[in-house]
Amino acid sequence: MNPDYGAEQLSICNRLGVSLFLSEAHQKLGVSDNILDGSWSWPLNGLRHPPYSETTGWYIWSGDFSESSDFFQPIHVVHLLNHCREVLAYLGLPPGWRFLIAPNHEDVWFDKKLLDVEGE
């Protein structure tokens, strides 16, 4: 991964007063199909549950959210460079954090409910 993303992740965490919680390039996250096929549009949304096994806990999507079991597809963090590099700077936020970004717009907030994940 580009080392600049680590600096961007640290910068966002510092600005928000939280500790950096890295998402490693080899770890997996879930993304919506439109992220994978390049048809995504603004805004981009992300939320982070606690990591589990080889996952980061991150789920990223564009457009309408769905509860469907196949809404999110697993990919490695490093592949976001080719699919949606716009979110990479936010992947250092710790579990419980969310973001919604668009050009000239950024909402980033903590959502305690994300820390309560059933079955883990």
N, C-alpha and C. Protein backbone atom coordinates (compact mmCIF):
# COMPACT_ATOMS: atom_id res chain seq x y z
N MET A 1 0.84 -1.18 0.00
CA MET A 1 0.00 0.00 0.00
C MET A 1 0.88 1.24 0.00
N ASN A 2 0.35 2.28 -0.50
CA ASN A 2 1.03 3.56 -0.53
C ASN A 2 1.22 4.06 0.90
N PRO A 3 2.46 4.38 1.29
CA PRO A 3 2.69 4.82 2.67
C PRO A 3 1.97 6.13 2.99
N ASP A 4 1.60 6.91 2.00
CA ASP A 4 0.87 8.16 2.25
C ASP A 4 -0.47 7.90 2.93
N TYR A 5 -1.08 6.74 2.67
CA TYR A 5 -2.36 6.46 3.30
C TYR A 5 -2.21 6.28 4.80
N GLY A 6 -1.09 5.74 5.24
CA GLY A 6 -0.84 5.64 6.68
C GLY A 6 -0.77 7.00 7.32
N ALA A 7 -0.12 7.95 6.66
CA ALA A 7 -0.03 9.31 7.18
C ALA A 7 -1.41 9.97 7.18
N GLU A 8 -2.20 9.73 6.13
CA GLU A 8 -3.56 10.28 6.08
C GLU A 8 -4.43 9.68 7.17
N GLN A 9 -4.29 8.37 7.41
CA GLN A 9 -5.06 7.72 8.46
C GLN A 9 -4.69 8.30 9.82
N LEU A 10 -3.41 8.49 10.07
CA LEU A 10 -2.96 9.06 11.33
C LEU A 10 -3.46 10.49 11.48
N SER A 11 -3.44 11.25 10.42
CA SER A 11 -3.91 12.63 10.46
C SER A 11 -5.39 12.72 10.84
N ILE A 12 -6.21 11.86 10.25
CA ILE A 12 -7.65 11.85 10.57
C ILE A 12 -7.86 11.44 12.02
N CYS A 13 -7.16 10.41 12.47
CA CYS A 13 -7.29 9.97 13.86
C CYS A 13 -6.85 11.08 14.83
N ASN A 14 -5.76 11.74 14.53
CA ASN A 14 -5.28 12.83 15.38
C ASN A 14 -6.31 13.96 15.43
N ARG A 15 -6.87 14.29 14.29
CA ARG A 15 -7.86 15.37 14.23
C ARG A 15 -9.08 15.05 15.07
N LEU A 16 -9.46 13.76 15.12
CA LEU A 16 -10.63 13.33 15.88
C LEU A 16 -10.31 12.93 17.32
N GLY A 17 -9.01 12.92 17.66
CA GLY A 17 -8.61 12.60 19.02
C GLY A 17 -8.74 11.13 19.38
N VAL A 18 -8.54 10.25 18.39
CA VAL A 18 -8.62 8.80 18.64
C VAL A 18 -7.31 8.14 18.24
N SER A 19 -7.06 6.98 18.81
CA SER A 19 -5.85 6.23 18.49
C SER A 19 -5.99 5.56 17.13
N LEU A 20 -4.89 5.53 16.40
CA LEU A 20 -4.84 4.84 15.12
C LEU A 20 -5.04 3.35 15.34
N PHE A 21 -5.91 2.73 14.55
CA PHE A 21 -6.21 1.30 14.62
C PHE A 21 -6.09 0.78 13.18
N LEU A 22 -4.88 0.44 12.80
CA LEU A 22 -4.57 0.13 11.40
C LEU A 22 -5.40 -1.00 10.81
N SER A 23 -5.71 -0.83 9.55
CA SER A 23 -6.25 -1.90 8.71
C SER A 23 -5.10 -2.33 7.81
N GLU A 24 -4.61 -3.53 8.03
CA GLU A 24 -3.45 -4.01 7.29
C GLU A 24 -3.84 -4.39 5.85
N ALA A 25 -2.91 -4.24 4.92
CA ALA A 25 -3.16 -4.50 3.50
C ALA A 25 -3.69 -5.90 3.24
N HIS A 26 -3.26 -6.90 4.02
CA HIS A 26 -3.66 -8.29 3.79
C HIS A 26 -5.01 -8.63 4.43
N GLN A 27 -5.53 -7.76 5.28
CA GLN A 27 -6.80 -8.04 5.93
C GLN A 27 -7.96 -7.79 4.97
N LYS A 28 -9.11 -8.35 5.32
CA LYS A 28 -10.29 -8.23 4.47
C LYS A 28 -11.30 -7.25 5.06
N LEU A 29 -12.10 -6.70 4.18
CA LEU A 29 -13.24 -5.89 4.55
C LEU A 29 -14.37 -6.21 3.59
N GLY A 30 -15.56 -5.75 3.90
CA GLY A 30 -16.71 -5.97 3.03
C GLY A 30 -17.03 -4.71 2.25
N VAL A 31 -17.30 -4.87 0.95
CA VAL A 31 -17.68 -3.74 0.11
C VAL A 31 -18.91 -4.11 -0.72
N SER A 32 -19.69 -3.11 -1.06
CA SER A 32 -20.86 -3.35 -1.91
C SER A 32 -20.40 -3.64 -3.34
N ASP A 33 -21.26 -4.32 -4.09
CA ASP A 33 -20.92 -4.68 -5.48
C ASP A 33 -20.52 -3.48 -6.32
N ASN A 34 -21.19 -2.34 -6.12
CA ASN A 34 -20.87 -1.18 -6.95
C ASN A 34 -19.48 -0.63 -6.66
N ILE A 35 -18.93 -0.92 -5.50
CA ILE A 35 -17.53 -0.57 -5.23
C ILE A 35 -16.63 -1.47 -6.07
N LEU A 36 -16.93 -2.76 -6.10
CA LEU A 36 -16.11 -3.70 -6.86
C LEU A 36 -16.15 -3.46 -8.36
N ASP A 37 -17.33 -3.15 -8.89
CA ASP A 37 -17.42 -3.00 -10.36
C ASP A 37 -17.17 -1.58 -10.85
N GLY A 38 -16.86 -0.67 -9.93
CA GLY A 38 -16.52 0.70 -10.32
C GLY A 38 -17.71 1.59 -10.64
N SER A 39 -18.92 1.14 -10.35
CA SER A 39 -20.10 1.95 -10.66
C SER A 39 -20.59 2.76 -9.45
N TRP A 40 -19.77 2.86 -8.41
CA TRP A 40 -20.17 3.59 -7.21
C TRP A 40 -20.31 5.07 -7.50
N SER A 41 -21.07 5.73 -6.66
CA SER A 41 -21.22 7.18 -6.74
C SER A 41 -21.22 7.74 -5.32
N TRP A 42 -21.06 9.03 -5.22
CA TRP A 42 -21.06 9.70 -3.92
C TRP A 42 -22.46 9.71 -3.35
N PRO A 43 -22.59 9.69 -2.04
CA PRO A 43 -21.55 9.60 -1.02
C PRO A 43 -21.09 8.16 -0.80
N LEU A 44 -19.94 8.06 -0.16
CA LEU A 44 -19.40 6.77 0.26
C LEU A 44 -19.61 6.64 1.77
N ASN A 45 -20.02 5.46 2.19
CA ASN A 45 -20.31 5.20 3.59
C ASN A 45 -19.40 4.09 4.11
N GLY A 46 -19.02 4.19 5.36
CA GLY A 46 -18.25 3.14 5.99
C GLY A 46 -18.57 3.03 7.46
N LEU A 47 -18.51 1.82 7.97
CA LEU A 47 -18.67 1.58 9.41
C LEU A 47 -17.73 0.47 9.81
N ARG A 48 -17.29 0.53 11.08
CA ARG A 48 -16.33 -0.47 11.55
C ARG A 48 -16.81 -1.17 12.81
N HIS A 49 -17.02 -2.47 12.67
CA HIS A 49 -17.26 -3.35 13.81
C HIS A 49 -15.91 -3.80 14.34
N PRO A 50 -15.87 -4.45 15.50
CA PRO A 50 -14.59 -5.01 15.96
C PRO A 50 -14.04 -6.01 14.94
N PRO A 51 -12.73 -6.03 14.73
CA PRO A 51 -12.15 -7.01 13.81
C PRO A 51 -12.34 -8.42 14.32
N TYR A 52 -12.38 -9.35 13.38
CA TYR A 52 -12.55 -10.75 13.71
C TYR A 52 -11.71 -11.57 12.75
N SER A 53 -10.87 -12.45 13.27
CA SER A 53 -10.01 -13.30 12.47
C SER A 53 -9.17 -12.44 11.53
N GLU A 54 -9.31 -12.61 10.22
CA GLU A 54 -8.50 -11.87 9.24
C GLU A 54 -9.23 -10.65 8.68
N THR A 55 -10.30 -10.22 9.35
CA THR A 55 -11.05 -9.07 8.85
C THR A 55 -10.70 -7.81 9.63
N THR A 56 -10.97 -6.67 9.01
CA THR A 56 -10.76 -5.37 9.65
C THR A 56 -11.96 -4.93 10.46
N GLY A 57 -13.12 -5.47 10.13
CA GLY A 57 -14.37 -5.00 10.72
C GLY A 57 -15.05 -3.93 9.88
N TRP A 58 -14.38 -3.47 8.82
CA TRP A 58 -14.93 -2.40 7.98
C TRP A 58 -15.92 -2.95 6.95
N TYR A 59 -16.98 -2.15 6.73
CA TYR A 59 -17.95 -2.37 5.67
C TYR A 59 -18.13 -1.04 4.95
N ILE A 60 -17.95 -1.06 3.63
CA ILE A 60 -17.96 0.15 2.81
C ILE A 60 -19.02 -0.01 1.73
N TRP A 61 -19.81 1.05 1.50
CA TRP A 61 -20.82 0.98 0.45
C TRP A 61 -21.13 2.35 -0.11
N SER A 62 -21.76 2.30 -1.26
CA SER A 62 -22.26 3.49 -1.95
C SER A 62 -23.70 3.20 -2.33
N GLY A 63 -24.54 4.23 -2.27
CA GLY A 63 -25.95 4.02 -2.62
C GLY A 63 -26.74 3.51 -1.45
N ASP A 64 -27.88 2.91 -1.75
CA ASP A 64 -28.78 2.42 -0.71
C ASP A 64 -28.21 1.20 -0.02
N PHE A 65 -28.29 1.20 1.29
CA PHE A 65 -27.84 0.07 2.10
C PHE A 65 -28.86 -1.06 2.01
N SER A 66 -28.38 -2.28 2.07
CA SER A 66 -29.26 -3.44 2.04
C SER A 66 -28.89 -4.40 3.17
N GLU A 67 -29.88 -5.02 3.76
CA GLU A 67 -29.66 -6.05 4.79
C GLU A 67 -29.42 -7.42 4.16
N SER A 68 -29.43 -7.50 2.84
CA SER A 68 -29.25 -8.77 2.14
C SER A 68 -27.91 -9.40 2.52
N SER A 69 -27.91 -10.72 2.69
CA SER A 69 -26.68 -11.41 3.10
C SER A 69 -25.57 -11.34 2.06
N ASP A 70 -25.90 -11.02 0.81
CA ASP A 70 -24.86 -10.93 -0.22
C ASP A 70 -24.57 -9.48 -0.64
N PHE A 71 -25.01 -8.51 0.16
CA PHE A 71 -24.77 -7.10 -0.16
C PHE A 71 -23.28 -6.76 -0.14
N PHE A 72 -22.56 -7.30 0.85
CA PHE A 72 -21.13 -7.03 0.97
C PHE A 72 -20.32 -8.20 0.43
N GLN A 73 -19.28 -7.86 -0.33
CA GLN A 73 -18.35 -8.85 -0.87
C GLN A 73 -17.00 -8.65 -0.20
N PRO A 74 -16.29 -9.73 0.16
CA PRO A 74 -15.00 -9.59 0.82
C PRO A 74 -13.88 -9.26 -0.18
N ILE A 75 -13.05 -8.30 0.19
CA ILE A 75 -11.83 -8.02 -0.56
C ILE A 75 -10.73 -7.67 0.43
N HIS A 76 -9.51 -7.73 -0.02
CA HIS A 76 -8.38 -7.31 0.81
C HIS A 76 -8.26 -5.79 0.74
N VAL A 77 -7.81 -5.21 1.83
CA VAL A 77 -7.66 -3.76 1.91
C VAL A 77 -6.82 -3.23 0.75
N VAL A 78 -5.76 -3.90 0.41
CA VAL A 78 -4.87 -3.42 -0.65
C VAL A 78 -5.61 -3.23 -1.98
N HIS A 79 -6.67 -4.00 -2.22
CA HIS A 79 -7.40 -3.89 -3.49
C HIS A 79 -8.26 -2.64 -3.59
N LEU A 80 -8.43 -1.95 -2.47
CA LEU A 80 -9.15 -0.67 -2.54
C LEU A 80 -8.39 0.35 -3.37
N LEU A 81 -7.09 0.17 -3.51
CA LEU A 81 -6.31 1.07 -4.37
C LEU A 81 -6.87 1.08 -5.79
N ASN A 82 -7.37 -0.06 -6.24
CA ASN A 82 -7.91 -0.17 -7.60
C ASN A 82 -9.41 0.08 -7.67
N HIS A 83 -10.10 -0.03 -6.55
CA HIS A 83 -11.56 0.05 -6.57
C HIS A 83 -12.13 1.33 -5.97
N CYS A 84 -11.53 1.82 -4.89
CA CYS A 84 -12.12 2.97 -4.20
C CYS A 84 -11.11 3.57 -3.22
N ARG A 85 -10.06 4.14 -3.75
CA ARG A 85 -9.00 4.67 -2.90
C ARG A 85 -9.46 5.82 -2.02
N GLU A 86 -10.61 6.40 -2.34
CA GLU A 86 -11.14 7.54 -1.59
C GLU A 86 -11.39 7.22 -0.12
N VAL A 87 -11.61 5.95 0.22
CA VAL A 87 -11.91 5.58 1.60
C VAL A 87 -10.67 5.19 2.41
N LEU A 88 -9.55 5.01 1.77
CA LEU A 88 -8.37 4.48 2.46
C LEU A 88 -7.94 5.34 3.65
N ALA A 89 -8.08 6.63 3.56
CA ALA A 89 -7.64 7.52 4.64
C ALA A 89 -8.44 7.31 5.92
N TYR A 90 -9.63 6.73 5.82
CA TYR A 90 -10.51 6.55 6.99
C TYR A 90 -10.34 5.19 7.66
N LEU A 91 -9.60 4.29 7.05
CA LEU A 91 -9.52 2.92 7.55
C LEU A 91 -8.65 2.75 8.78
N GLY A 92 -8.07 3.82 9.29
CA GLY A 92 -7.32 3.77 10.54
C GLY A 92 -8.19 4.09 11.75
N LEU A 93 -9.44 4.46 11.51
CA LEU A 93 -10.34 4.74 12.64
C LEU A 93 -10.64 3.46 13.40
N PRO A 94 -10.76 3.53 14.71
CA PRO A 94 -11.00 2.32 15.50
C PRO A 94 -12.42 1.78 15.34
N PRO A 95 -12.64 0.56 15.81
CA PRO A 95 -13.99 0.00 15.80
C PRO A 95 -14.97 0.93 16.51
N GLY A 96 -16.18 0.98 15.95
CA GLY A 96 -17.21 1.85 16.49
C GLY A 96 -17.35 3.15 15.72
N TRP A 97 -16.47 3.40 14.78
CA TRP A 97 -16.52 4.65 14.01
C TRP A 97 -17.19 4.44 12.66
N ARG A 98 -17.76 5.52 12.17
CA ARG A 98 -18.45 5.55 10.87
C ARG A 98 -18.00 6.78 10.11
N PHE A 99 -18.21 6.74 8.80
CA PHE A 99 -17.99 7.94 7.99
C PHE A 99 -18.98 7.99 6.84
N LEU A 100 -19.22 9.18 6.37
CA LEU A 100 -19.97 9.46 5.15
C LEU A 100 -19.22 10.59 4.48
N ILE A 101 -18.69 10.31 3.28
CA ILE A 101 -17.88 11.31 2.58
C ILE A 101 -18.40 11.54 1.17
N ALA A 102 -18.18 12.74 0.70
CA ALA A 102 -18.48 13.16 -0.67
C ALA A 102 -17.56 14.34 -0.95
N PRO A 103 -17.45 14.77 -2.20
CA PRO A 103 -16.61 15.95 -2.46
C PRO A 103 -17.05 17.13 -1.59
N ASN A 104 -16.11 17.73 -0.91
CA ASN A 104 -16.34 18.88 -0.03
C ASN A 104 -17.30 18.58 1.11
N HIS A 105 -17.40 17.31 1.51
CA HIS A 105 -18.26 16.93 2.62
C HIS A 105 -17.65 15.74 3.36
N GLU A 106 -17.66 15.83 4.69
CA GLU A 106 -17.15 14.75 5.52
C GLU A 106 -17.93 14.72 6.83
N ASP A 107 -18.55 13.59 7.12
CA ASP A 107 -19.14 13.33 8.42
C ASP A 107 -18.44 12.10 8.98
N VAL A 108 -17.90 12.22 10.19
CA VAL A 108 -17.22 11.11 10.85
C VAL A 108 -17.70 11.12 12.30
N TRP A 109 -18.18 9.97 12.78
CA TRP A 109 -18.71 9.93 14.14
C TRP A 109 -18.58 8.54 14.74
N PHE A 110 -18.65 8.53 16.08
CA PHE A 110 -18.58 7.28 16.84
C PHE A 110 -20.00 6.78 17.08
N ASP A 111 -20.21 5.47 16.89
CA ASP A 111 -21.50 4.83 17.09
C ASP A 111 -21.27 3.59 17.95
N LYS A 112 -21.53 3.72 19.24
CA LYS A 112 -21.26 2.64 20.19
C LYS A 112 -21.95 1.33 19.80
N LYS A 113 -23.10 1.40 19.14
CA LYS A 113 -23.83 0.20 18.75
C LYS A 113 -23.01 -0.72 17.85
N LEU A 114 -22.05 -0.16 17.13
CA LEU A 114 -21.23 -0.98 16.23
C LEU A 114 -20.32 -1.93 16.99
N LEU A 115 -20.10 -1.68 18.27
CA LEU A 115 -19.23 -2.55 19.07
C LEU A 115 -19.94 -3.80 19.56
N ASP A 116 -21.27 -3.79 19.50
CA ASP A 116 -22.06 -4.94 19.94
C ASP A 116 -22.44 -5.78 18.73
N VAL A 117 -21.61 -6.79 18.44
CA VAL A 117 -21.84 -7.65 17.30
C VAL A 117 -22.20 -9.04 17.80
N GLU A 118 -23.35 -9.53 17.38
CA GLU A 118 -23.80 -10.86 17.81
C GLU A 118 -22.91 -11.94 17.22
N GLY A 119 -22.69 -12.98 18.00
CA GLY A 119 -21.98 -14.15 17.50
C GLY A 119 -20.48 -14.05 17.56
N GLU A 120 -19.96 -12.99 18.14
CA GLU A 120 -18.50 -12.88 18.24
C GLU A 120 -18.07 -12.75 19.67
